Amino acid sequence: MGGAVSAGEDNDELIDNLKEAQYIRTELVEQAFRAIDRADYYLEEFKDNAYKDLAWKHGNIHLSAPCIYSEVMEALDLQPGLSFLNLGSGTGYLSSMVGLILGPFGVNHGVELHSDVIEYAKQKLDFFIKTSDSFDKFEFCEPSFVTGNCLEISPDCTQYDRVYCGAGVQKEHEDYMKNLLKVGGILVMPLEEKLTKITRTGPSAWETKKILAVSFAPLIQPNHADSGKSRLVHLPPVAVRSLQDLARIAIRGTIKKIIHQEAMSKAGNGLKNPPRFKRRRVRRRRMETIVFLDKEVFASRISNPSDDNNNSEDIEEERPEEEETKPSELKPDPPVNFLREKVLSLPLPDPLKYYLLYYREK
């Protein structure tokens, strides 16, 4: 059992390794991965394994390997304001990362078969909103989860810009999945042991691209033995933002702009010269990206021309000279949440301050 990338000591190191192996390739995806600590979605007794590039399953709770999630996020080509449907939404880890990119005017829905997993996902979502400082760096599209079998979605449901399925899709269900997409939309799913990206280019036109060789547990077929009738899954309606929500979004956006302008002003008056850089030679080895994931998920990178260009090449890396003069035992100060500080300093009643901070804990 092994991972596509080496284990990290923390979430940031895991992301560094995924970038090094070219699983994370865009800035938006990197920001989303860094904003949400993967360990927060593990049960306490299993957190030692959170930063390994491996899948994790405990009862009905399941997380795919980080390399799988990063390939999915890259393939979805997410943008602010899009609608997203997560079939087999599980812990909500992927849905929350997607929500950071979609922003306040996107749509973020998930369907999960197990009600206990839905409750777990809601707890983790609440914990992220209330306690994570990285939350204030984004405007969030909060996920909404419903319980049911994703093969029984009501035929009158709205179509989505982006769809992901987190279980193996049988060939006979391919058209069903495609019909969930708007024209121009992207569907990512495991199909015939390949993580597959399907783009709807017209009412009856599709482009298909194979991304990774994978082995997912198959979708669970609907069971109508009890009633003999289908239990249709009704997705949440696309709600219009309340005036109160719009005001909060606008106020937070204005405060962020003020903070940015103040930071730029201070930087413009900088009395300290930026650190000089020296070059350090680093030898990188080509990585064979093969994954065996607990008999559940196998992944291997399909040929990528860029991999061949990185084999045993010497790379010059720039580092500030100042780094060598600092004692290794000193750790950087934790980042300051300037938005929270600014909101709490405003001459407003406390309930309004906490509303602007999404009633977050101190």
Foldseek 3Di string as FASTA:
>chain_A
DAALWAFDPFQLRLLVRCVVQVLADDDLLSLLSVQDGQLLLDDPVPSVCRRGQFWDDDPPAIDHGPSVLSNQVVLQPAAAQFEEEEEQCFLVSSLFSSFQHNAQNYHGEYEHADPVRVVNNVVSLVCSLFPGLSPLVGHGHDYDYDHDAPLQADPPAAAGQEYEYQAEEEPVCPVVQVVSHDQQHWYWYHYPQFGKIWHRPDPPDIDIDTWKRKAAHHRDDDDCVPPVDGDHDYIDDSDDDDPVVVVLVVVSVVLVVVVVVVVVVCVVVDPDDDFDKDKDKDWDAQGFRWDDHPVGMTIGGDDDVVSVVNHRDIDIDIDGPVVVVDDPPDDDDDDDSVSLVVLVPDPDDPVVSCVSSVVHDD
